Protein backbone atom coordinates (compact mmCIF):
# COMPACT_ATOMS: atom_id res chain seq x y z
CA MET A 1 -4.02 2.48 20.33
CA LYS A 2 -4.00 4.20 16.96
CA TYR A 3 -0.87 4.10 14.80
CA ASN A 4 0.13 6.99 12.58
CA ILE A 5 0.24 6.33 8.86
CA LYS A 6 2.94 7.92 6.74
CA TYR A 7 3.32 7.68 2.97
CA ILE A 8 6.91 7.68 1.79
CA PRO A 9 7.52 9.54 -1.52
CA SER A 10 7.34 6.43 -3.72
CA ALA A 11 3.90 5.60 -2.29
CA ASP A 12 2.73 9.17 -2.90
CA ARG A 13 3.83 8.84 -6.54
CA ASP A 14 2.14 5.44 -6.83
CA LEU A 15 -1.11 6.78 -5.41
CA ALA A 16 -1.10 9.71 -7.85
CA ALA A 17 -0.38 7.34 -10.75
CA VAL A 18 -3.29 5.07 -9.80
CA TYR A 19 -5.58 8.08 -9.44
CA ASN A 20 -4.55 9.41 -12.85
CA TYR A 21 -4.79 6.02 -14.53
CA LEU A 22 -8.33 5.52 -13.24
CA GLU A 23 -9.41 8.98 -14.43
CA GLU A 24 -11.21 7.40 -17.38
CA TYR A 25 -13.04 5.01 -15.01
CA PRO A 26 -14.60 7.29 -12.37
CA GLN A 27 -16.77 4.64 -10.72
CA LYS A 28 -13.85 2.24 -10.44
CA ARG A 29 -11.64 5.04 -9.09
CA ILE A 30 -14.21 5.86 -6.40
CA ARG A 31 -14.53 2.17 -5.49
CA ILE A 32 -10.76 1.55 -5.32
CA PHE A 33 -10.02 4.69 -3.31
CA SER A 34 -12.90 3.99 -0.93
CA LYS A 35 -11.48 0.52 -0.30
CA ILE A 36 -7.98 1.92 0.20
CA ASP A 37 -9.32 4.47 2.67
CA LEU A 38 -11.25 1.81 4.60
CA ALA A 39 -8.26 -0.56 4.69
CA LEU A 40 -5.93 2.16 5.98
CA THR A 41 -8.46 3.31 8.59
CA ARG A 42 -8.64 -0.24 9.92
CA LEU A 43 -4.89 -0.65 9.63
CA ALA A 44 -4.27 2.31 11.95
CA TYR A 45 -6.01 0.38 14.75
CA MET A 46 -4.94 -3.16 13.79
CA PRO A 47 -1.52 -2.86 12.13
CA LYS A 48 -0.92 -6.62 12.01
CA MET A 49 -4.23 -7.47 10.37
CA PHE A 50 -2.65 -7.96 6.95
CA PRO A 51 -0.15 -10.74 6.27
CA ILE A 52 3.59 -10.50 5.97
CA TYR A 53 4.68 -10.58 2.33
CA GLU A 54 6.63 -13.84 2.07
CA ALA A 55 8.88 -12.66 -0.78
CA ALA A 56 9.98 -9.61 1.24
CA PRO A 57 9.24 -10.23 4.92
CA GLN A 58 10.03 -6.66 5.96
CA PHE A 59 6.72 -5.72 4.34
CA ARG A 60 3.11 -6.55 4.98
CA ARG A 61 0.69 -6.54 2.06
CA ILE A 62 -2.86 -5.33 1.55
CA VAL A 63 -4.77 -6.54 -1.52
CA ILE A 64 -7.32 -4.10 -2.95
CA GLU A 65 -8.75 -5.59 -6.16
CA ASP A 66 -5.92 -5.29 -8.73
CA TYR A 67 -3.62 -3.30 -6.43
CA LEU A 68 -1.18 -4.22 -3.70
CA ILE A 69 -0.21 -1.91 -0.87
CA PHE A 70 3.10 -2.65 0.83
CA TYR A 71 3.79 -1.25 4.25
CA LYS A 72 6.23 -1.54 7.12
CA LEU A 73 5.16 -1.59 10.72
CA ILE A 74 7.45 0.31 13.09
CA GLU A 75 6.00 -0.64 16.44
CA SER A 76 8.50 1.31 18.55
CA ASP A 77 7.26 4.55 16.93
CA GLU A 78 3.62 3.46 16.59
CA LEU A 79 4.05 4.12 12.89
CA ILE A 80 2.96 2.49 9.66
CA GLU A 81 4.96 3.46 6.59
CA ILE A 82 3.22 2.95 3.27
CA HIS A 83 6.01 2.13 0.81
CA ARG A 84 4.36 1.16 -2.47
CA ILE A 85 0.94 0.91 -4.11
CA LEU A 86 1.36 -1.28 -7.15
CA TYR A 87 -0.71 -2.85 -9.88
CA ALA A 88 -0.71 -6.57 -9.06
CA LYS A 89 0.46 -7.69 -12.52
CA MET A 90 3.67 -5.67 -12.37
CA ASP A 91 7.03 -7.23 -11.56
CA ILE A 92 6.56 -6.67 -7.85
CA GLN A 93 10.09 -7.62 -6.81
CA LYS A 94 11.56 -5.20 -9.34
CA GLN A 95 9.27 -2.43 -8.09
CA LEU A 96 10.02 -3.06 -4.41
CA PHE A 97 13.76 -3.42 -4.95
CA PRO A 98 14.66 -1.47 -8.12
CA SER A 99 18.44 -1.65 -7.59
CA ALA A 100 18.55 -5.41 -6.90
CA PRO A 101 20.30 -7.56 -9.53
């Protein structure tokens, strides 16, 4: 069974930011985006293949070089929601939960 993948708006913004940031590094951009594409293609068929993110168990996490992709699995809808695509050295908790104290 193949799950649908949906980017929420914050993930769309993150993806555009990564693309723009890597503009000066075209080979790296191609490599990163190829790996993202491959990971998401596999994810559609095996949505539990990546581990639960211990610090925020509602998310699973994919590691692609220096970037982390956070997603939620909604099994009842056969849906994977991509929530964030973040540079690994950011304050991840602050990025995932910007209004938290």
